[in-house]
Amino acid sequence: MTISAARAEDAVQFHAGQRANDTLALRCPNCHASMGSVRYAAPSIFETGQRCSGCSFAILSSQGIWKALCPERQRYYDRFLSEYQIVRAAEGRGSHSADYYLALPYRDLSGHNQDQWTIRSRTYSYIERQILNPIAEGTGSPLLVLDLGAGNAWLSYRLALRRHLPVAVDLSINGRDGLGAAAHYLQSLPALFPRFQAELDRLPFADSQFDCAIFGASFHYSEDYGRTLAEAIRCLRPGGTVIIADSPWYEDDESGQQMLRERRAHFIEHYGFPSDGLASLEYLTDKRLAALESQFGISWSIHRPQYGLRWTMRPLVAKLRRRRQPSQFRVYVAKIKLPQAQAGKTQ
């Protein structure tokens, strides 16, 4: 058997855990019409895409990524993506080495952002152990998971290693910090999971397909929490689970607003722009979370992973030094009991 044939056979085995259906049903992000389906696999050279019969928008594959961002929405995000990439590059994100990506989230081999990755790793370990494993045991099969705001898709990589079936979604497709970087995971995976360039408020998937939707350090980029959550819920099967992780939480709105003022001043000083290309909401509060409970008829269970004594002491230290309240990270989990049509459907 040739190396390429062996790799193809491995890929079949890798995705063999799928239940009955080996495709993802698509929905036009522009007019919401059905757009057929694509295989649960990175697109091959023989798969060019799907075209909407309603408005002629096409979801096309490019370098293994499905492009599902409408042209006018691409223009809407141009400034945000440009500034975002400038900041991320300055922060030392990404690498030319596959080893960097394969070590995430447990180690940052660049050495630039280890404190942040330590938080990510502890959050992920908690979610895997306390949330995903019990769900998978209950279904008796791998979970079809939406990784929303996937970035370089490290979470999808870790889920794939556990034989779950992730689908990575992000606006950024560059090869260092966006979906393009996922190509490095082929060093450890026989086949890549699907990657979609799409916005979280206009997902290109038909209703009621996924077992779980995870916002990993991404929900706070939303400009409208209700709309963003509604899209995730729409894509979940009844009984599915939505998880919000690593989005900053503040006890009061004023602390969050002060954080924004401080950050924008910092960005202007260091980069020459305030990084406000999107009107992102940027943080969570109990009031905002309660409003989502009321809107969707859900109930958040709140999980508090342990990030160490230093992190635990931050609020007390800030109070003693008469500084604003620091952000806290929690994991918010909700089961979706009602069909989407009864839970706040988007238009």
Protein backbone atom coordinates (compact mmCIF):
# COMPACT_ATOMS: atom_id res chain seq x y z
CA MET A 1 0.00 0.00 0.00
CA THR A 2 1.34 3.44 -0.91
CA ILE A 3 1.70 6.19 1.67
CA SER A 4 -1.14 8.20 0.07
CA ALA A 5 -3.41 5.14 0.00
CA ALA A 6 -2.63 4.37 3.64
CA ARG A 7 -3.38 7.96 4.57
CA ALA A 8 -6.71 7.80 2.73
CA GLU A 9 -7.60 4.57 4.57
CA ASP A 10 -6.67 6.20 7.88
CA ALA A 11 -8.94 9.12 7.03
CA VAL A 12 -11.86 6.76 6.44
CA GLN A 13 -11.24 5.13 9.82
CA PHE A 14 -10.80 8.51 11.46
CA HIS A 15 -14.28 9.61 10.38
CA ALA A 16 -15.86 6.15 10.80
CA GLY A 17 -17.33 7.18 14.13
CA GLN A 18 -19.92 9.33 12.41
CA ARG A 19 -23.44 8.23 12.99
CA ALA A 20 -25.28 7.28 9.81
CA ASN A 21 -24.84 10.63 8.08
CA ASP A 22 -21.44 11.61 6.71
CA THR A 23 -22.48 14.98 5.33
CA LEU A 24 -23.20 18.47 6.61
CA ALA A 25 -26.42 20.02 5.37
CA LEU A 26 -25.91 23.64 4.32
CA ARG A 27 -28.10 26.73 4.49
CA CYS A 28 -27.45 29.88 2.49
CA PRO A 29 -26.05 32.56 4.83
CA ASN A 30 -27.48 35.19 2.51
CA CYS A 31 -31.12 34.16 1.88
CA HIS A 32 -31.43 31.12 4.21
CA ALA A 33 -32.44 28.72 1.44
CA SER A 34 -31.26 25.11 1.52
CA MET A 35 -27.95 24.59 -0.29
CA GLY A 36 -27.55 20.83 -0.32
CA SER A 37 -24.69 19.27 1.59
CA VAL A 38 -20.94 18.65 1.70
CA ARG A 39 -19.01 15.68 3.03
CA TYR A 40 -17.75 15.70 6.58
CA ALA A 41 -14.14 16.00 5.51
CA ALA A 42 -11.86 18.68 4.21
CA PRO A 43 -12.94 19.38 0.60
CA SER A 44 -11.08 17.44 -2.05
CA ILE A 45 -9.93 18.89 -5.35
CA PHE A 46 -13.06 17.40 -6.87
CA GLU A 47 -15.40 19.36 -4.59
CA THR A 48 -15.78 22.94 -5.74
CA GLY A 49 -18.78 23.89 -3.62
CA GLN A 50 -22.50 24.49 -3.58
CA ARG A 51 -24.55 27.27 -5.15
CA CYS A 52 -27.80 28.61 -3.70
CA SER A 53 -30.79 28.19 -6.01
CA GLY A 54 -32.49 31.15 -4.33
CA CYS A 55 -29.90 33.93 -4.64
CA SER A 56 -26.98 32.27 -6.48
CA PHE A 57 -24.53 32.77 -3.59
CA ALA A 58 -21.90 30.04 -3.69
CA ILE A 59 -20.04 28.34 -0.85
CA LEU A 60 -16.73 27.47 -2.49
CA SER A 61 -13.65 25.64 -1.28
CA SER A 62 -10.24 27.29 -1.28
CA GLN A 63 -7.14 25.58 0.11
CA GLY A 64 -9.30 23.20 2.10
CA ILE A 65 -11.53 25.91 3.62
CA TRP A 66 -15.18 26.44 2.74
CA LYS A 67 -15.74 30.16 2.03
CA ALA A 68 -19.21 31.02 3.32
CA LEU A 69 -18.83 34.76 3.89
CA CYS A 70 -20.95 36.93 1.60
CA PRO A 71 -18.96 39.62 -0.26
CA GLU A 72 -20.72 42.54 1.41
CA ARG A 73 -20.10 40.97 4.82
CA GLN A 74 -16.45 40.46 3.91
CA ARG A 75 -16.23 44.20 3.29
CA TYR A 76 -17.97 44.82 6.60
CA TYR A 77 -15.25 42.87 8.44
CA ASP A 78 -12.26 44.10 6.43
CA ARG A 79 -11.18 46.76 8.92
CA PHE A 80 -11.67 44.49 11.92
CA LEU A 81 -9.66 41.66 10.37
CA SER A 82 -6.87 43.98 9.29
CA GLU A 83 -6.48 45.52 12.73
CA TYR A 84 -6.96 42.18 14.47
CA GLN A 85 -4.11 40.61 12.54
CA ILE A 86 -1.82 43.55 13.31
CA VAL A 87 -2.46 43.19 17.03
CA ARG A 88 -2.18 39.42 17.03
CA ALA A 89 1.12 39.51 15.16
CA ALA A 90 2.48 42.08 17.61
CA GLU A 91 1.46 39.79 20.46
CA GLY A 92 3.58 37.01 18.97
CA ARG A 93 0.74 34.75 17.87
CA GLY A 94 1.47 31.88 15.52
CA SER A 95 4.60 30.19 14.24
CA HIS A 96 6.21 28.66 11.17
CA SER A 97 6.61 25.41 13.12
CA ALA A 98 3.93 22.73 13.35
CA ASP A 99 5.23 21.92 16.84
CA TYR A 100 3.82 25.23 18.10
CA TYR A 101 0.26 24.33 17.07
CA LEU A 102 0.48 20.68 18.12
CA ALA A 103 1.43 21.74 21.66
CA LEU A 104 -1.59 24.01 22.14
CA PRO A 105 -3.27 24.70 24.50
CA TYR A 106 -0.93 23.09 27.00
CA ARG A 107 2.27 24.86 25.99
CA ASP A 108 3.05 28.03 24.10
CA LEU A 109 6.36 27.16 22.47
CA SER A 110 6.79 30.77 21.34
CA GLY A 111 6.95 31.84 24.99
CA HIS A 112 4.92 34.98 24.28
CA ASN A 113 1.51 34.15 25.75
CA GLN A 114 1.96 31.23 28.13
CA ASP A 115 -0.18 32.76 30.90
CA GLN A 116 -3.14 32.99 28.57
CA TRP A 117 -2.63 29.49 27.21
CA THR A 118 -2.45 28.14 30.76
CA ILE A 119 -5.97 29.46 31.28
CA ARG A 120 -7.12 28.02 27.95
CA SER A 121 -5.67 24.61 28.78
CA ARG A 122 -7.34 24.44 32.18
CA THR A 123 -10.65 25.52 30.69
CA TYR A 124 -10.39 22.92 27.96
CA SER A 125 -9.44 20.13 30.36
CA TYR A 126 -12.41 21.03 32.54
CA ILE A 127 -14.84 21.11 29.59
CA GLU A 128 -13.59 17.81 28.26
CA ARG A 129 -13.76 16.04 31.63
CA GLN A 130 -16.84 17.58 33.22
CA ILE A 131 -19.05 18.43 30.24
CA LEU A 132 -18.21 16.67 26.98
CA ASN A 133 -17.35 13.24 28.36
CA PRO A 134 -20.73 12.86 30.16
CA ILE A 135 -22.58 14.00 27.02
CA ALA A 136 -20.69 11.53 24.84
CA GLU A 137 -21.33 8.72 27.32
CA GLY A 138 -25.02 9.55 27.18
CA THR A 139 -25.18 9.44 23.38
CA GLY A 140 -22.82 6.50 23.01
CA SER A 141 -21.22 8.06 19.96
CA PRO A 142 -18.82 10.84 18.97
CA LEU A 143 -20.18 14.37 19.26
CA LEU A 144 -20.70 16.62 16.26
CA VAL A 145 -19.37 19.92 17.63
CA LEU A 146 -19.45 23.47 16.29
CA ASP A 147 -16.21 25.25 17.23
CA LEU A 148 -17.34 28.86 16.95
CA GLY A 149 -14.61 31.48 16.69
CA ALA A 150 -12.07 28.71 16.20
CA GLY A 151 -9.02 30.85 15.36
CA ASN A 152 -6.19 28.46 14.52
CA ALA A 153 -8.58 25.60 15.37
CA TRP A 154 -6.61 24.18 18.30
CA LEU A 155 -9.88 23.23 20.02
CA SER A 156 -11.11 21.35 16.94
CA TYR A 157 -7.75 19.57 16.81
CA ARG A 158 -8.05 18.44 20.42
CA LEU A 159 -11.64 17.33 19.88
CA ALA A 160 -10.64 15.37 16.78
CA LEU A 161 -7.94 13.57 18.74
CA ARG A 162 -10.72 12.46 21.10
CA ARG A 163 -12.63 11.13 18.04
CA HIS A 164 -15.29 13.79 18.23
CA LEU A 165 -16.40 15.45 14.99
CA PRO A 166 -15.60 19.18 15.12
CA VAL A 167 -16.46 21.80 12.54
CA ALA A 168 -14.27 24.91 12.85
CA VAL A 169 -15.78 28.32 12.05
CA ASP A 170 -13.96 31.65 11.99
CA LEU A 171 -13.66 34.87 10.01
CA SER A 172 -9.88 34.66 9.78
CA ILE A 173 -8.31 32.19 7.36
CA ASN A 174 -4.65 33.24 7.47
CA GLY A 175 -1.98 30.61 7.95
CA ARG A 176 -0.58 31.80 11.29
CA ASP A 177 -3.55 32.64 13.49
CA GLY A 178 -6.60 31.72 11.41
CA LEU A 179 -8.15 28.60 9.92
CA GLY A 180 -5.27 28.18 7.48
CA ALA A 181 -3.00 27.28 10.40
CA ALA A 182 -4.99 24.08 10.93
CA ALA A 183 -3.00 22.49 8.09
CA HIS A 184 -0.29 21.84 10.71
CA TYR A 185 -2.57 19.37 12.48
CA LEU A 186 -2.11 16.92 9.62
CA GLN A 187 1.16 16.10 11.36
CA SER A 188 -0.98 14.23 13.92
CA LEU A 189 -4.36 13.70 12.23
CA PRO A 190 -4.94 11.48 9.18
CA ALA A 191 -7.53 13.96 7.87
CA LEU A 192 -8.63 17.47 8.73
CA PHE A 193 -12.01 18.40 10.10
CA PRO A 194 -14.19 20.80 8.06
CA ARG A 195 -13.28 24.49 8.23
CA PHE A 196 -15.70 27.27 7.29
CA GLN A 197 -14.99 30.95 6.90
CA ALA A 198 -18.28 32.39 8.14
CA GLU A 199 -19.69 34.87 10.61
CA LEU A 200 -21.23 33.60 13.79
CA ASP A 201 -24.50 35.46 13.17
CA ARG A 202 -24.97 33.87 9.71
CA LEU A 203 -23.86 30.27 9.97
CA PRO A 204 -23.98 28.26 6.72
CA PHE A 205 -25.52 25.14 8.28
CA ALA A 206 -29.05 23.76 8.16
CA ASP A 207 -31.05 23.52 11.38
CA SER A 208 -30.74 20.88 14.11
CA GLN A 209 -27.52 19.04 13.18
CA PHE A 210 -24.99 19.48 15.98
CA ASP A 211 -24.75 18.00 19.44
CA CYS A 212 -22.77 20.85 20.91
CA ALA A 213 -21.71 24.42 20.09
CA ILE A 214 -18.67 25.86 21.86
CA PHE A 215 -17.71 29.52 21.95
CA GLY A 216 -14.07 29.34 23.05
CA ALA A 217 -12.83 32.84 23.92
CA SER A 218 -15.06 34.18 21.15
CA PHE A 219 -18.58 35.00 22.38
CA HIS A 220 -17.58 38.48 23.58
CA TYR A 221 -16.72 39.48 19.98
CA SER A 222 -20.44 39.40 19.24
CA GLU A 223 -22.21 42.66 18.44
CA ASP A 224 -25.55 41.18 19.50
CA TYR A 225 -25.48 38.33 22.02
CA GLY A 226 -29.07 37.36 21.30
CA ARG A 227 -28.53 37.03 17.57
CA THR A 228 -25.26 35.16 17.97
CA LEU A 229 -26.68 32.69 20.47
CA ALA A 230 -29.82 32.20 18.37
CA GLU A 231 -27.71 31.05 15.42
CA ALA A 232 -25.84 28.53 17.53
CA ILE A 233 -29.10 27.22 19.00
CA ARG A 234 -30.64 26.96 15.53
CA CYS A 235 -27.89 24.59 14.48
CA LEU A 236 -28.24 22.35 17.56
CA ARG A 237 -30.39 19.27 17.82
CA PRO A 238 -33.10 19.44 20.51
CA GLY A 239 -31.29 18.46 23.67
CA GLY A 240 -28.04 19.89 22.34
CA THR A 241 -25.61 21.86 24.49
CA VAL A 242 -24.18 25.35 24.11
CA ILE A 243 -20.99 26.29 25.95
CA ILE A 244 -19.52 29.76 26.45
CA ALA A 245 -15.96 29.69 27.75
CA ASP A 246 -13.11 32.17 28.34
CA SER A 247 -15.14 35.31 27.74
CA PRO A 248 -14.47 37.96 30.41
CA TRP A 249 -17.11 38.40 33.09
CA TYR A 250 -17.52 41.44 35.35
CA GLU A 251 -19.69 41.82 38.40
CA ASP A 252 -20.79 45.27 37.29
CA ASP A 253 -21.07 47.01 33.95
CA GLU A 254 -18.88 49.94 34.99
CA SER A 255 -15.83 47.71 35.45
CA GLY A 256 -16.35 46.32 31.96
CA GLN A 257 -16.68 49.79 30.48
CA GLN A 258 -13.56 50.96 32.29
CA MET A 259 -11.69 47.95 30.89
CA LEU A 260 -12.73 48.99 27.38
CA ARG A 261 -11.54 52.56 27.90
CA GLU A 262 -8.19 51.34 29.19
CA ARG A 263 -7.74 48.86 26.36
CA ARG A 264 -8.61 51.34 23.63
CA ALA A 265 -6.19 53.89 25.07
CA HIS A 266 -3.50 51.19 25.14
CA PHE A 267 -4.18 50.22 21.52
CA ILE A 268 -4.07 53.85 20.34
CA GLU A 269 -0.73 54.32 22.07
CA HIS A 270 0.83 51.11 20.75
CA TYR A 271 -0.86 50.55 17.38
CA GLY A 272 -2.35 53.90 16.38
CA PHE A 273 -5.97 52.70 16.40
CA PRO A 274 -8.48 51.82 19.17
CA SER A 275 -9.33 48.41 17.66
CA ASP A 276 -13.04 49.15 17.47
CA GLY A 277 -13.67 47.87 13.96
CA LEU A 278 -16.60 45.94 15.41
CA ALA A 279 -19.11 47.11 17.98
CA SER A 280 -18.33 44.01 20.02
CA LEU A 281 -19.98 43.74 23.42
CA GLU A 282 -16.61 42.58 24.84
CA TYR A 283 -17.70 41.11 28.18
CA LEU A 284 -20.41 39.34 30.14
CA THR A 285 -22.34 40.34 33.24
CA ASP A 286 -24.99 38.49 35.20
CA LYS A 287 -27.56 40.89 33.77
CA ARG A 288 -26.58 40.08 30.20
CA LEU A 289 -26.62 36.36 30.89
CA ALA A 290 -30.02 36.60 32.57
CA ALA A 291 -31.39 38.41 29.53
CA LEU A 292 -30.30 35.47 27.33
CA GLU A 293 -31.97 33.03 29.72
CA SER A 294 -35.22 34.95 29.42
CA GLN A 295 -34.98 35.31 25.64
CA PHE A 296 -34.32 31.65 24.92
CA GLY A 297 -35.97 29.87 27.84
CA ILE A 298 -32.68 28.37 28.96
CA SER A 299 -30.91 28.11 32.28
CA TRP A 300 -27.15 28.60 32.54
CA SER A 301 -25.18 26.23 34.72
CA ILE A 302 -22.05 28.08 35.83
CA HIS A 303 -18.75 26.23 36.13
CA ARG A 304 -15.61 27.63 37.73
CA PRO A 305 -12.43 25.87 36.64
CA GLN A 306 -9.44 26.35 38.92
CA TYR A 307 -6.81 28.68 37.48
CA GLY A 308 -4.53 28.77 40.50
CA LEU A 309 -4.14 30.86 43.64
CA ARG A 310 -2.76 33.91 41.86
CA TRP A 311 -5.81 34.11 39.60
CA THR A 312 -8.18 33.50 42.51
CA MET A 313 -6.63 36.36 44.49
CA ARG A 314 -6.87 38.94 41.70
CA PRO A 315 -10.20 40.49 42.84
CA LEU A 316 -8.95 40.91 46.41
CA VAL A 317 -5.63 42.37 45.30
CA ALA A 318 -7.41 44.82 43.00
CA LYS A 319 -9.71 45.89 45.82
CA LEU A 320 -6.80 46.46 48.21
CA ARG A 321 -5.03 48.53 45.57
CA ARG A 322 -8.24 50.43 44.77
CA ARG A 323 -8.24 49.36 41.16
CA ARG A 324 -11.17 48.35 39.04
CA GLN A 325 -12.52 44.86 39.34
CA PRO A 326 -10.52 42.46 37.12
CA SER A 327 -12.23 40.13 34.70
CA GLN A 328 -13.05 36.58 35.67
CA PHE A 329 -13.48 33.53 33.47
CA ARG A 330 -16.23 31.02 33.93
CA VAL A 331 -17.84 28.35 31.78
CA TYR A 332 -21.54 28.77 31.00
CA VAL A 333 -23.48 25.71 29.85
CA ALA A 334 -27.09 25.43 28.72
CA LYS A 335 -29.15 22.54 27.42
CA ILE A 336 -31.47 23.38 24.56
CA LYS A 337 -34.79 21.68 25.24
CA LEU A 338 -37.11 23.36 22.76
CA PRO A 339 -37.06 23.17 18.98
CA GLN A 340 -35.42 26.24 17.48
CA ALA A 341 -38.73 27.53 16.14
CA GLN A 342 -39.85 27.99 19.75
CA ALA A 343 -36.58 29.36 21.06
CA GLY A 344 -36.06 32.68 19.28
CA LYS A 345 -35.42 32.03 15.60
CA THR A 346 -33.21 34.52 13.71
CA GLN A 347 -34.37 36.31 10.62
